[in-house]
């Protein structure tokens, strides 16, 4: 996925995202991965699964929110 994203190989990125959605269960790190590579459909799938079982994913979502916030602060600081 990293190379598909880096080199803007959209058709390859779509194929990988299709595979993730179809064959890879949502687990720790799935949402972060989807966000990192702008996988909108995978992100939606992850969020839907996490909302359906919020107790299972609340800690992960908290950590992700903190990490994303820290990254935004670093970027803004320059």
C-alpha atoms as a PDB file:
ATOM      1  CA  UNK A   1       0.000   0.000   0.000  1.00  0.00           C
ATOM      2  CA  UNK A   2       2.850   2.365   0.802  1.00  0.00           C
ATOM      3  CA  UNK A   3       4.177   2.314  -2.773  1.00  0.00           C
ATOM      4  CA  UNK A   4       0.730   2.556  -4.320  1.00  0.00           C
ATOM      5  CA  UNK A   5       0.091   5.627  -2.181  1.00  0.00           C
ATOM      6  CA  UNK A   6       3.540   7.153  -2.745  1.00  0.00           C
ATOM      7  CA  UNK A   7       3.445   6.764  -6.502  1.00  0.00           C
ATOM      8  CA  UNK A   8      -0.251   7.603  -6.771  1.00  0.00           C
ATOM      9  CA  UNK A   9      -1.064   4.284  -8.407  1.00  0.00           C
ATOM     10  CA  UNK A  10      -4.790   4.668  -7.903  1.00  0.00           C
ATOM     11  CA  UNK A  11      -5.838   1.449  -9.621  1.00  0.00           C
ATOM     12  CA  UNK A  12      -3.448  -0.577  -7.453  1.00  0.00           C
ATOM     13  CA  UNK A  13      -4.582   1.300  -4.365  1.00  0.00           C
ATOM     14  CA  UNK A  14      -8.200   0.468  -5.208  1.00  0.00           C
ATOM     15  CA  UNK A  15      -7.377  -3.221  -5.646  1.00  0.00           C
ATOM     16  CA  UNK A  16      -5.605  -3.314  -2.287  1.00  0.00           C
ATOM     17  CA  UNK A  17      -8.463  -1.486  -0.583  1.00  0.00           C
ATOM     18  CA  UNK A  18     -10.952  -3.932  -2.126  1.00  0.00           C
ATOM     19  CA  UNK A  19      -8.908  -6.808  -0.690  1.00  0.00           C
ATOM     20  CA  UNK A  20      -8.748  -5.209   2.754  1.00  0.00           C
ATOM     21  CA  UNK A  21     -12.496  -4.630   2.821  1.00  0.00           C
ATOM     22  CA  UNK A  22     -13.337  -8.131   1.628  1.00  0.00           C
ATOM     23  CA  UNK A  23     -10.725 -10.297   3.329  1.00  0.00           C
ATOM     24  CA  UNK A  24      -9.105  -8.514   6.286  1.00  0.00           C
ATOM     25  CA  UNK A  25     -11.107  -8.164   9.499  1.00  0.00           C
ATOM     26  CA  UNK A  26     -11.158  -4.868  11.337  1.00  0.00           C
ATOM     27  CA  UNK A  27      -8.681  -5.014  14.192  1.00  0.00           C
ATOM     28  CA  UNK A  28      -6.273  -2.813  16.077  1.00  0.00           C
ATOM     29  CA  UNK A  29      -4.525  -0.569  13.618  1.00  0.00           C
ATOM     30  CA  UNK A  30      -7.025  -0.977  10.768  1.00  0.00           C
ATOM     31  CA  UNK A  31      -8.468   2.503  11.157  1.00  0.00           C
ATOM     32  CA  UNK A  32      -5.037   4.106  11.532  1.00  0.00           C
ATOM     33  CA  UNK A  33      -3.898   2.331   8.365  1.00  0.00           C
ATOM     34  CA  UNK A  34      -6.998   3.481   6.472  1.00  0.00           C
ATOM     35  CA  UNK A  35      -6.451   7.055   7.617  1.00  0.00           C
ATOM     36  CA  UNK A  36      -2.739   7.003   6.774  1.00  0.00           C
ATOM     37  CA  UNK A  37      -3.367   5.992   3.184  1.00  0.00           C
ATOM     38  CA  UNK A  38      -6.657   7.854   2.607  1.00  0.00           C
ATOM     39  CA  UNK A  39      -8.683   4.667   2.157  1.00  0.00           C
ATOM     40  CA  UNK A  40     -12.142   6.166   2.463  1.00  0.00           C
ATOM     41  CA  UNK A  41     -14.155   2.971   2.025  1.00  0.00           C
ATOM     42  CA  UNK A  42     -11.927   1.039   4.445  1.00  0.00           C
ATOM     43  CA  UNK A  43     -12.169   3.926   6.917  1.00  0.00           C
ATOM     44  CA  UNK A  44     -15.966   3.778   6.728  1.00  0.00           C
ATOM     45  CA  UNK A  45     -15.885   0.000   7.229  1.00  0.00           C
ATOM     46  CA  UNK A  46     -13.616   0.357  10.276  1.00  0.00           C
ATOM     47  CA  UNK A  47     -15.728   3.077  11.843  1.00  0.00           C
ATOM     48  CA  UNK A  48     -18.918   1.099  11.323  1.00  0.00           C
ATOM     49  CA  UNK A  49     -17.383  -1.994  12.934  1.00  0.00           C
ATOM     50  CA  UNK A  50     -15.960   0.018  15.826  1.00  0.00           C
ATOM     51  CA  UNK A  51     -19.212   1.837  16.527  1.00  0.00           C
ATOM     52  CA  UNK A  52     -21.033  -1.507  16.521  1.00  0.00           C
ATOM     53  CA  UNK A  53     -18.716  -2.716  19.318  1.00  0.00           C
ATOM     54  CA  UNK A  54     -17.566   0.496  20.949  1.00  0.00           C
ATOM     55  CA  UNK A  55     -16.487  -1.123  24.209  1.00  0.00           C
ATOM     56  CA  UNK A  56     -14.019  -3.301  22.325  1.00  0.00           C
ATOM     57  CA  UNK A  57     -12.468  -0.375  20.465  1.00  0.00           C
ATOM     58  CA  UNK A  58     -12.717   2.601  22.834  1.00  0.00           C
ATOM     59  CA  UNK A  59      -9.092   2.406  23.998  1.00  0.00           C
ATOM     60  CA  UNK A  60      -7.786   2.138  20.449  1.00  0.00           C
ATOM     61  CA  UNK A  61      -9.883   5.103  19.344  1.00  0.00           C
ATOM     62  CA  UNK A  62      -8.578   7.139  22.264  1.00  0.00           C
ATOM     63  CA  UNK A  63      -4.971   6.344  21.393  1.00  0.00           C
ATOM     64  CA  UNK A  64      -5.583   7.082  17.732  1.00  0.00           C
ATOM     65  CA  UNK A  65      -7.163  10.421  18.557  1.00  0.00           C
ATOM     66  CA  UNK A  66      -4.191  11.349  20.730  1.00  0.00           C
ATOM     67  CA  UNK A  67      -1.685  10.304  18.061  1.00  0.00           C
ATOM     68  CA  UNK A  68      -3.525  12.155  15.304  1.00  0.00           C
ATOM     69  CA  UNK A  69      -3.780  15.266  17.472  1.00  0.00           C
ATOM     70  CA  UNK A  70      -0.071  15.135  18.279  1.00  0.00           C
ATOM     71  CA  UNK A  71       0.772  14.744  14.590  1.00  0.00           C
ATOM     72  CA  UNK A  72      -1.386  17.744  13.704  1.00  0.00           C
ATOM     73  CA  UNK A  73       0.294  19.805  16.423  1.00  0.00           C
ATOM     74  CA  UNK A  74       3.746  18.846  15.119  1.00  0.00           C
ATOM     75  CA  UNK A  75       2.740  19.786  11.574  1.00  0.00           C
ATOM     76  CA  UNK A  76       1.277  23.105  12.680  1.00  0.00           C
ATOM     77  CA  UNK A  77       4.388  23.901  14.703  1.00  0.00           C
ATOM     78  CA  UNK A  78       6.549  23.321  11.635  1.00  0.00           C
END
